[in-house]
Amino acid sequence: MKIKDEKQLWKTALAQIEIKLDAPTTFRTFFQETKLVGIDGSTARIGVPNPYTAEWLKNKYERLIKDTISYVYGDTLNPVFEILQKTDSDMVSAEDIIDEKQPLLSMENGIMGNVIEAVRRSGLNPKYTVSNYVVGNHNAVAYAAALAIIDVPGTTYNPLFIHGKTGLGKTHLAQAIGRSIIERDPKKKVVYTSSEGFMNDMVKGIRSGQNDRNRTKYRSIDVLIIDDMQLISKWVHTQEEFFNTFNELYNAGKQIILIADRRPEEFQNIEARLKSRMKGGMVADIGMPDYEMRLAILQKKAESSGVNLKPHVIEFIARSVTENIRELEGALQKVSLFNQMKPSGDLTLDEVAHMIGKDVQSKRLQIKVPQVIKEVGKGFNVSIKDLKGPRRTKDLALARQVAMYILREEFNYKLDEVAKFLNREDHTTVIHAIDKVKSKMMVQDGFNRQVAQIITNIQDTAAVTEDAE
């Protein structure tokens, strides 16, 4: 077979690779978004979307790719993998999103095609939906407000102000609202942008002498979603423009959704009237998810992404990564990828810990022994003095055993070191304690969750403790 046309060459090669793999999920995940960038002599430059895919293809399927593309080409080609860069044509500007000269919907692909096209033109990320948003105590209020807005936009909670730390799902929820509104009525005009994007459009309008046209575009939509609202404090004229836009939309019964990393009253250098508008509807906080929520998020993400990891690995990630959901999902993807690349089988927990930066050495630098003992004492409602003392009541003995278990199993301290930390005579006491805790965790889910929560609390307060000490 000899195909020299590069586009047809890679299309044919991919078709043969798909048949040889006989693994649809693997093909979709790692091959579908690749392209043949070009052929230089005997080198075939294969474009891939990210470094992980490049490393995975090189380690796992370089020979398959080489043999297949060489056969189709009719001569030997050696594949090299390059990261594809997004071009300007891939980006959609805020002006394009709300340019009424372009049709909002495309009728080529039916109703669902109309929805996806409208979602993309609105600046929304198609992957953010209500159905894949995991709800728990940390985001229940914001989620309930979102559902009410989807039912009746512009009436129940207007504006909706969502705030919380980075990576907790604020943008996901806000964009899911916009998508759901479009799904119910694809003719609705939704715009998602950042406060900086809003400012840039305003400046662009002034420079081009078309500020009125820009204002008309923003004020003739049904739903406006603005991210990173805390940054608007830097731009006085942008505040004025946004205030007037806000009033126009609000008075017309249009929905406004604002996203920030803090509450409106914590904003600095913002006019009181604008601050009042921001908190005039519903102000909803998204907090840090607890261990059980982090585990649920990982399980749902793994299911939707076709990730196949052992339960104890997913549980370890949920216990170890506590800062934000974005880091949590990133850790899952990274571990999953390297688990597939490992020729000898499943990753060990030590390998997982090193991979996500939660290995023993890192933990010891972040967390001190007194903090571990303190959190165990809080978890079992006993004092540090009693934990290190001679008393041997049933509850106290169990708390002491859990402290030994965590120090040994989580931080890998030597047995005699653990005994010394808790004023015990020798290491055999520690061995007995660890066996007791492990056995109890295997048969009692409630106890298992209690220990996991204590470990999570230790990790969550590590930075504060380090500063205090």
Foldseek 3Di string as FASTA:
>chain_A
DADDPQQVLLVQLLVVVCVVVVPVLVCVVQPPPKGFPDADPQETEIEGADPLSQVLCVLPPQVSSQVSSCVHNVHGHHYHYDHDDDDPVVDAALCQLLVPVDDLADPPPHLVRRLVSNLVSQVADVVQAPVLDFDDPLFPVVLVVLVVCLVPPLPAFAAEEEAAAPFACPSSSVSNSVSSNCSVPVVARHHEEELVSLVVLCVVCVVVVNNVVSLCSLLPGQEYEYEAPLVCLVPPVSLVSVVVSSVSNNVVSGYYYYYHHDQLVPRPNHDPVSSCNSVVGHYGYRYWDALVSLLVSLVSLCVVSVQDADSVLSSLLSLQDGDHNVLSVVLSVQLSSVQVSDPVHGDDNQVSCVSSVNHLVSVCVQFPLVLLLCLLCVLLVHDSCLQLDDDDDPSSVLSVLLSLLCCCVRNNDDQQVSCVSSVHDGSVSNVVSNVVLVVCVVPDVVSVVSSSRSSSVRNVCRNVVVVVD
